[in-house]
PDB file of N, CA and C in Angstrom:
ATOM      1  N   MET A   1     -34.024   2.867   8.943  1.00  0.00           N
ATOM      2  CA  MET A   1     -32.672   2.476   8.711  1.00  0.00           C
ATOM      3  C   MET A   1     -32.794   0.866   8.153  1.00  0.00           C
ATOM      4  N   THR A   2     -31.768   1.288   7.574  1.00  0.00           N
ATOM      5  CA  THR A   2     -31.655  -0.247   6.160  1.00  0.00           C
ATOM      6  C   THR A   2     -30.675  -1.225   7.194  1.00  0.00           C
ATOM      7  N   PHE A   3     -30.902  -2.386   7.189  1.00  0.00           N
ATOM      8  CA  PHE A   3     -29.562  -3.532   7.147  1.00  0.00           C
ATOM      9  C   PHE A   3     -29.424  -4.325   6.373  1.00  0.00           C
ATOM     10  N   LEU A   4     -28.101  -4.809   5.680  1.00  0.00           N
ATOM     11  CA  LEU A   4     -28.331  -5.498   4.640  1.00  0.00           C
ATOM     12  C   LEU A   4     -27.697  -7.023   5.216  1.00  0.00           C
ATOM     13  N   ILE A   5     -28.358  -7.965   4.599  1.00  0.00           N
ATOM     14  CA  ILE A   5     -28.193  -9.040   5.333  1.00  0.00           C
ATOM     15  C   ILE A   5     -27.178  -9.884   4.030  1.00  0.00           C
ATOM     16  N   PRO A   6     -25.634 -10.340   4.552  1.00  0.00           N
ATOM     17  CA  PRO A   6     -25.039 -10.908   3.449  1.00  0.00           C
ATOM     18  C   PRO A   6     -25.505 -12.410   2.898  1.00  0.00           C
ATOM     19  N   ASN A   7     -25.300 -12.908   1.791  1.00  0.00           N
ATOM     20  CA  ASN A   7     -25.863 -13.969   1.613  1.00  0.00           C
ATOM     21  C   ASN A   7     -24.763 -15.199   2.077  1.00  0.00           C
ATOM     22  N   GLU A   8     -25.001 -16.456   1.535  1.00  0.00           N
ATOM     23  CA  GLU A   8     -23.997 -17.525   2.510  1.00  0.00           C
ATOM     24  C   GLU A   8     -22.774 -17.483   1.241  1.00  0.00           C
ATOM     25  N   ASN A   9     -22.450 -16.443   0.263  1.00  0.00           N
ATOM     26  CA  ASN A   9     -21.292 -16.303  -0.683  1.00  0.00           C
ATOM     27  C   ASN A   9     -20.886 -15.602  -0.277  1.00  0.00           C
ATOM     28  N   SER A  10     -21.196 -14.423   0.370  1.00  0.00           N
ATOM     29  CA  SER A  10     -20.413 -13.618   0.497  1.00  0.00           C
ATOM     30  C   SER A  10     -19.032 -13.488   1.356  1.00  0.00           C
ATOM     31  N   GLN A  11     -18.370 -12.748   1.125  1.00  0.00           N
ATOM     32  CA  GLN A  11     -16.733 -12.359   1.807  1.00  0.00           C
ATOM     33  C   GLN A  11     -16.630 -11.685   2.978  1.00  0.00           C
ATOM     34  N   PRO A  12     -16.270 -12.012   4.145  1.00  0.00           N
ATOM     35  CA  PRO A  12     -16.113 -11.352   5.262  1.00  0.00           C
ATOM     36  C   PRO A  12     -15.539 -10.225   5.109  1.00  0.00           C
ATOM     37  N   ASN A  13     -15.746  -8.876   5.554  1.00  0.00           N
ATOM     38  CA  ASN A  13     -14.998  -7.694   5.588  1.00  0.00           C
ATOM     39  C   ASN A  13     -13.457  -8.166   6.142  1.00  0.00           C
ATOM     40  N   PRO A  14     -12.172  -7.879   5.682  1.00  0.00           N
ATOM     41  CA  PRO A  14     -11.083  -8.132   6.250  1.00  0.00           C
ATOM     42  C   PRO A  14     -11.025  -6.909   7.260  1.00  0.00           C
ATOM     43  N   SER A  15     -10.348  -7.691   8.586  1.00  0.00           N
ATOM     44  CA  SER A  15     -10.324  -6.500   9.727  1.00  0.00           C
ATOM     45  C   SER A  15      -9.000  -5.701   9.349  1.00  0.00           C
ATOM     46  N   PRO A  16      -9.657  -4.634   9.741  1.00  0.00           N
ATOM     47  CA  PRO A  16      -8.638  -3.384   9.646  1.00  0.00           C
ATOM     48  C   PRO A  16      -7.038  -3.710  10.223  1.00  0.00           C
ATOM     49  N   HIS A  17      -6.807  -4.933  11.212  1.00  0.00           N
ATOM     50  CA  HIS A  17      -5.705  -5.040  11.536  1.00  0.00           C
ATOM     51  C   HIS A  17      -4.726  -6.230  10.550  1.00  0.00           C
ATOM     52  N   ASP A  18      -5.512  -6.510   9.685  1.00  0.00           N
ATOM     53  CA  ASP A  18      -4.978  -7.542   8.768  1.00  0.00           C
ATOM     54  C   ASP A  18      -3.964  -6.122   7.685  1.00  0.00           C
ATOM     55  N   THR A  19      -2.851  -6.862   7.486  1.00  0.00           N
ATOM     56  CA  THR A  19      -1.773  -6.294   6.263  1.00  0.00           C
ATOM     57  C   THR A  19      -1.407  -7.457   5.597  1.00  0.00           C
ATOM     58  N   ASN A  20      -1.177  -6.775   4.600  1.00  0.00           N
ATOM     59  CA  ASN A  20      -0.506  -7.860   3.141  1.00  0.00           C
ATOM     60  C   ASN A  20       1.349  -7.635   4.078  1.00  0.00           C
ATOM     61  N   PRO A  21       1.884  -8.978   3.338  1.00  0.00           N
ATOM     62  CA  PRO A  21       3.261  -8.905   3.528  1.00  0.00           C
ATOM     63  C   PRO A  21       4.010  -7.563   3.264  1.00  0.00           C
ATOM     64  N   ILE A  22       3.787  -7.549   1.927  1.00  0.00           N
ATOM     65  CA  ILE A  22       4.294  -5.940   1.582  1.00  0.00           C
ATOM     66  C   ILE A  22       3.965  -4.926   2.532  1.00  0.00           C
ATOM     67  N   GLU A  23       3.067  -4.796   2.678  1.00  0.00           N
ATOM     68  CA  GLU A  23       2.493  -3.631   3.904  1.00  0.00           C
ATOM     69  C   GLU A  23       3.395  -3.644   5.343  1.00  0.00           C
ATOM     70  N   SER A  24       3.685  -4.803   5.944  1.00  0.00           N
ATOM     71  CA  SER A  24       4.218  -5.095   7.143  1.00  0.00           C
ATOM     72  C   SER A  24       5.414  -4.906   6.841  1.00  0.00           C
ATOM     73  N   GLN A  25       6.037  -5.880   5.692  1.00  0.00           N
ATOM     74  CA  GLN A  25       7.535  -5.232   5.376  1.00  0.00           C
ATOM     75  C   GLN A  25       7.858  -3.790   5.330  1.00  0.00           C
ATOM     76  N   ILE A  26       7.010  -3.080   4.718  1.00  0.00           N
ATOM     77  CA  ILE A  26       7.182  -1.829   4.571  1.00  0.00           C
ATOM     78  C   ILE A  26       7.187  -1.102   6.234  1.00  0.00           C
ATOM     79  N   MET A  27       6.103  -1.370   6.817  1.00  0.00           N
ATOM     80  CA  MET A  27       6.340  -0.573   8.280  1.00  0.00           C
ATOM     81  C   MET A  27       7.013  -1.337   9.102  1.00  0.00           C
ATOM     82  N   ALA A  28       7.684  -1.955   9.163  1.00  0.00           N
ATOM     83  CA  ALA A  28       8.924  -3.110  10.139  1.00  0.00           C
ATOM     84  C   ALA A  28      10.522  -1.921   8.955  1.00  0.00           C
ATOM     85  N   MET A  29      10.717  -1.307   8.135  1.00  0.00           N
ATOM     86  CA  MET A  29      11.813  -0.998   7.826  1.00  0.00           C
ATOM     87  C   MET A  29      11.805   0.450   8.705  1.00  0.00           C
ATOM     88  N   THR A  30      13.287   0.386   8.749  1.00  0.00           N
ATOM     89  CA  THR A  30      13.752   1.533   9.967  1.00  0.00           C
ATOM     90  C   THR A  30      15.066   2.518   9.453  1.00  0.00           C
ATOM     91  N   THR A  31      15.336   2.146   8.311  1.00  0.00           N
ATOM     92  CA  THR A  31      16.466   3.151   7.265  1.00  0.00           C
ATOM     93  C   THR A  31      15.839   4.045   6.569  1.00  0.00           C
ATOM     94  N   LYS A  32      15.909   5.161   6.252  1.00  0.00           N
ATOM     95  CA  LYS A  32      15.804   6.138   5.168  1.00  0.00           C
ATOM     96  C   LYS A  32      16.213   5.305   3.670  1.00  0.00           C
ATOM     97  N   GLU A  33      16.925   4.966   3.726  1.00  0.00           N
ATOM     98  CA  GLU A  33      17.639   4.500   2.506  1.00  0.00           C
ATOM     99  C   GLU A  33      16.714   3.259   2.362  1.00  0.00           C
ATOM    100  N   ASP A  34      16.259   2.131   2.997  1.00  0.00           N
ATOM    101  CA  ASP A  34      15.597   1.273   2.855  1.00  0.00           C
ATOM    102  C   ASP A  34      14.210   1.825   2.008  1.00  0.00           C
ATOM    103  N   LEU A  35      13.338   2.766   2.903  1.00  0.00           N
ATOM    104  CA  LEU A  35      12.147   3.341   2.496  1.00  0.00           C
ATOM    105  C   LEU A  35      12.372   4.054   1.357  1.00  0.00           C
ATOM    106  N   GLN A  36      13.478   4.850   1.005  1.00  0.00           N
ATOM    107  CA  GLN A  36      13.749   5.213  -0.362  1.00  0.00           C
ATOM    108  C   GLN A  36      13.787   4.705  -1.598  1.00  0.00           C
ATOM    109  N   GLN A  37      14.717   3.412  -1.418  1.00  0.00           N
ATOM    110  CA  GLN A  37      14.467   2.048  -2.452  1.00  0.00           C
ATOM    111  C   GLN A  37      13.312   1.660  -2.750  1.00  0.00           C
ATOM    112  N   GLU A  38      12.448   1.315  -1.677  1.00  0.00           N
ATOM    113  CA  GLU A  38      11.045   0.730  -1.852  1.00  0.00           C
ATOM    114  C   GLU A  38      10.158   1.603  -2.695  1.00  0.00           C
ATOM    115  N   LEU A  39      10.277   2.949  -2.052  1.00  0.00           N
ATOM    116  CA  LEU A  39       9.603   4.110  -2.441  1.00  0.00           C
ATOM    117  C   LEU A  39      10.065   4.285  -4.507  1.00  0.00           C
ATOM    118  N   ASP A  40      11.723   3.887  -4.581  1.00  0.00           N
ATOM    119  CA  ASP A  40      11.691   3.851  -6.080  1.00  0.00           C
ATOM    120  C   ASP A  40      11.395   3.271  -6.789  1.00  0.00           C
ATOM    121  N   SER A  41      11.217   2.018  -6.041  1.00  0.00           N
ATOM    122  CA  SER A  41      10.723   0.924  -7.127  1.00  0.00           C
ATOM    123  C   SER A  41       9.158   0.922  -7.417  1.00  0.00           C
ATOM    124  N   VAL A  42       8.742   1.838  -6.132  1.00  0.00           N
ATOM    125  CA  VAL A  42       7.165   1.695  -6.127  1.00  0.00           C
ATOM    126  C   VAL A  42       6.534   2.919  -7.448  1.00  0.00           C
ATOM    127  N   ARG A  43       7.598   3.742  -7.378  1.00  0.00           N
ATOM    128  CA  ARG A  43       7.209   4.739  -8.835  1.00  0.00           C
ATOM    129  C   ARG A  43       7.879   4.123 -10.207  1.00  0.00           C
ATOM    130  N   ALA A  44       8.772   3.232  -9.917  1.00  0.00           N
ATOM    131  CA  ALA A  44       8.642   2.721 -11.557  1.00  0.00           C
ATOM    132  C   ALA A  44       7.334   1.458 -11.907  1.00  0.00           C
ATOM    133  N   ASN A  45       7.305   0.774 -10.702  1.00  0.00           N
ATOM    134  CA  ASN A  45       5.905   0.012 -10.970  1.00  0.00           C
ATOM    135  C   ASN A  45       4.761   1.024 -11.292  1.00  0.00           C
ATOM    136  N   TYR A  46       4.544   1.961 -10.677  1.00  0.00           N
ATOM    137  CA  TYR A  46       3.436   3.000 -11.093  1.00  0.00           C
ATOM    138  C   TYR A  46       3.746   2.950 -12.534  1.00  0.00           C
ATOM    139  N   GLN A  47       4.725   3.907 -13.190  1.00  0.00           N
ATOM    140  CA  GLN A  47       5.030   4.512 -14.252  1.00  0.00           C
ATOM    141  C   GLN A  47       4.675   2.811 -15.260  1.00  0.00           C
ATOM    142  N   LYS A  48       5.345   1.711 -15.043  1.00  0.00           N
ATOM    143  CA  LYS A  48       5.189   0.797 -16.115  1.00  0.00           C
ATOM    144  C   LYS A  48       3.503   0.216 -15.988  1.00  0.00           C
ATOM    145  N   TRP A  49       2.795  -0.048 -14.919  1.00  0.00           N
ATOM    146  CA  TRP A  49       1.568  -0.197 -15.141  1.00  0.00           C
ATOM    147  C   TRP A  49       0.910   1.062 -15.720  1.00  0.00           C
ATOM    148  N   GLN A  50       0.891   2.061 -15.491  1.00  0.00           N
ATOM    149  CA  GLN A  50       0.456   3.394 -16.065  1.00  0.00           C
ATOM    150  C   GLN A  50       0.490   3.244 -17.514  1.00  0.00           C
ATOM    151  N   ALA A  51       1.449   2.681 -18.096  1.00  0.00           N
ATOM    152  CA  ALA A  51       1.394   2.857 -19.401  1.00  0.00           C
ATOM    153  C   ALA A  51       0.605   1.684 -19.950  1.00  0.00           C
ATOM    154  N   LYS A  52       0.372   0.375 -19.515  1.00  0.00           N
ATOM    155  CA  LYS A  52      -0.528  -0.644 -19.552  1.00  0.00           C
ATOM    156  C   LYS A  52      -1.879  -0.137 -19.043  1.00  0.00           C
ATOM    157  N   ASP A  53      -1.864   0.906 -18.560  1.00  0.00           N
ATOM    158  CA  ASP A  53      -3.552   1.451 -18.125  1.00  0.00           C
ATOM    159  C   ASP A  53      -4.252   0.460 -17.347  1.00  0.00           C
ATOM    160  N   ASP A  54      -3.182   0.191 -16.164  1.00  0.00           N
ATOM    161  CA  ASP A  54      -4.063  -1.259 -15.497  1.00  0.00           C
ATOM    162  C   ASP A  54      -4.166  -0.431 -14.017  1.00  0.00           C
ATOM    163  N   GLN A  55      -5.572  -0.020 -13.656  1.00  0.00           N
ATOM    164  CA  GLN A  55      -6.087   0.803 -12.670  1.00  0.00           C
ATOM    165  C   GLN A  55      -6.215   0.009 -11.536  1.00  0.00           C
ATOM    166  N   THR A  56      -6.149  -1.304 -11.198  1.00  0.00           N
ATOM    167  CA  THR A  56      -6.187  -2.100 -10.413  1.00  0.00           C
ATOM    168  C   THR A  56      -4.517  -1.543  -9.683  1.00  0.00           C
ATOM    169  N   ALA A  57      -3.556  -2.303 -10.797  1.00  0.00           N
ATOM    170  CA  ALA A  57      -2.125  -1.982 -10.424  1.00  0.00           C
ATOM    171  C   ALA A  57      -1.689  -0.887  -9.928  1.00  0.00           C
ATOM    172  N   ILE A  58      -2.077   0.668 -10.691  1.00  0.00           N
ATOM    173  CA  ILE A  58      -1.913   1.649 -10.207  1.00  0.00           C
ATOM    174  C   ILE A  58      -2.659   2.117  -8.709  1.00  0.00           C
ATOM    175  N   THR A  59      -3.929   1.566  -8.392  1.00  0.00           N
ATOM    176  CA  THR A  59      -3.870   2.050  -7.319  1.00  0.00           C
ATOM    177  C   THR A  59      -3.391   1.536  -6.241  1.00  0.00           C
ATOM    178  N   THR A  60      -3.186  -0.046  -6.266  1.00  0.00           N
ATOM    179  CA  THR A  60      -1.849  -0.816  -5.559  1.00  0.00           C
ATOM    180  C   THR A  60      -0.897  -0.085  -4.979  1.00  0.00           C
ATOM    181  N   GLN A  61      -0.063   0.424  -6.468  1.00  0.00           N
ATOM    182  CA  GLN A  61       1.271   1.041  -6.207  1.00  0.00           C
ATOM    183  C   GLN A  61       1.143   2.392  -5.289  1.00  0.00           C
ATOM    184  N   THR A  62      -0.184   3.186  -5.683  1.00  0.00           N
ATOM    185  CA  THR A  62      -0.445   4.318  -4.674  1.00  0.00           C
ATOM    186  C   THR A  62      -0.581   3.953  -3.708  1.00  0.00           C
ATOM    187  N   ARG A  63      -1.292   2.950  -2.915  1.00  0.00           N
ATOM    188  CA  ARG A  63      -1.495   2.710  -1.698  1.00  0.00           C
ATOM    189  C   ARG A  63       0.302   2.422  -1.317  1.00  0.00           C
ATOM    190  N   LEU A  64       0.722   1.662  -1.734  1.00  0.00           N
ATOM    191  CA  LEU A  64       1.955   1.369  -1.153  1.00  0.00           C
ATOM    192  C   LEU A  64       2.685   2.672  -1.035  1.00  0.00           C
ATOM    193  N   ALA A  65       3.134   3.581  -2.077  1.00  0.00           N
ATOM    194  CA  ALA A  65       3.721   5.192  -1.728  1.00  0.00           C
ATOM    195  C   ALA A  65       2.752   5.701  -0.307  1.00  0.00           C
ATOM    196  N   GLN A  66       1.820   5.933  -0.311  1.00  0.00           N
ATOM    197  CA  GLN A  66       0.989   6.384   0.650  1.00  0.00           C
ATOM    198  C   GLN A  66       1.633   5.634   1.966  1.00  0.00           C
ATOM    199  N   ILE A  67       1.627   4.207   1.682  1.00  0.00           N
ATOM    200  CA  ILE A  67       2.323   3.433   3.555  1.00  0.00           C
ATOM    201  C   ILE A  67       3.897   3.687   3.450  1.00  0.00           C
ATOM    202  N   ILE A  68       4.443   3.704   2.290  1.00  0.00           N
ATOM    203  CA  ILE A  68       5.928   4.077   2.313  1.00  0.00           C
ATOM    204  C   ILE A  68       6.198   5.631   3.544  1.00  0.00           C
ATOM    205  N   HIS A  69       5.314   6.786   3.053  1.00  0.00           N
ATOM    206  CA  HIS A  69       5.582   7.947   3.389  1.00  0.00           C
ATOM    207  C   HIS A  69       4.659   8.126   4.905  1.00  0.00           C
ATOM    208  N   LEU A  70       3.967   7.113   4.850  1.00  0.00           N
ATOM    209  CA  LEU A  70       3.393   7.220   6.354  1.00  0.00           C
ATOM    210  C   LEU A  70       4.412   6.663   7.464  1.00  0.00           C
ATOM    211  N   ARG A  71       4.844   5.544   7.120  1.00  0.00           N
ATOM    212  CA  ARG A  71       6.459   4.791   7.697  1.00  0.00           C
ATOM    213  C   ARG A  71       7.735   5.952   7.773  1.00  0.00           C
ATOM    214  N   ALA A  72       7.768   6.745   7.155  1.00  0.00           N
ATOM    215  CA  ALA A  72       8.865   7.622   6.912  1.00  0.00           C
ATOM    216  C   ALA A  72       8.670   8.620   7.924  1.00  0.00           C
ATOM    217  N   ASN A  73       7.187   9.246   7.854  1.00  0.00           N
ATOM    218  CA  ASN A  73       7.050  10.362   8.568  1.00  0.00           C
ATOM    219  C   ASN A  73       6.803   9.753  10.405  1.00  0.00           C
ATOM    220  N   GLN A  74       6.523   8.379  10.398  1.00  0.00           N
ATOM    221  CA  GLN A  74       6.622   7.655  11.701  1.00  0.00           C
ATOM    222  C   GLN A  74       8.120   7.720  12.339  1.00  0.00           C
ATOM    223  N   ILE A  75       9.239   7.292  11.280  1.00  0.00           N
ATOM    224  CA  ILE A  75      10.855   7.586  11.736  1.00  0.00           C
ATOM    225  C   ILE A  75      11.468   8.719  11.617  1.00  0.00           C
ATOM    226  N   GLY A  76      10.391   9.837  11.085  1.00  0.00           N
ATOM    227  CA  GLY A  76      10.783  11.002  11.219  1.00  0.00           C
ATOM    228  C   GLY A  76      12.179  11.371   9.952  1.00  0.00           C
ATOM    229  N   VAL A  77      12.091  10.517   8.901  1.00  0.00           N
ATOM    230  CA  VAL A  77      12.622  10.780   7.682  1.00  0.00           C
ATOM    231  C   VAL A  77      12.066  11.324   6.480  1.00  0.00           C
ATOM    232  N   GLN A  78      12.840  12.091   5.774  1.00  0.00           N
ATOM    233  CA  GLN A  78      11.936  12.885   4.543  1.00  0.00           C
ATOM    234  C   GLN A  78      12.519  12.085   3.233  1.00  0.00           C
ATOM    235  N   LEU A  79      11.592  11.607   2.346  1.00  0.00           N
ATOM    236  CA  LEU A  79      12.183  11.192   1.223  1.00  0.00           C
ATOM    237  C   LEU A  79      11.720  12.092  -0.122  1.00  0.00           C
ATOM    238  N   THR A  80      12.595  11.781  -1.136  1.00  0.00           N
ATOM    239  CA  THR A  80      12.705  12.572  -2.417  1.00  0.00           C
ATOM    240  C   THR A  80      11.969  11.639  -3.210  1.00  0.00           C
TER     241      THR A  80
END
């Protein structure tokens, strides 16, 4: 078994319970309309960043879309 010992400059792993403000805002949404509006915004941003070939931003928009769909499933709504 191998153990890695971090050096003093390494950053700790974020807690799995930490979320960024946008994720928290999405998870607090309670209406289909709010979630649909947020998903439409994420789709527009995805297309914008895809045109600029910004892989980091594309990954972020994909994650936000997944969180929006997760929240929609939690409250029992279908998004288009």
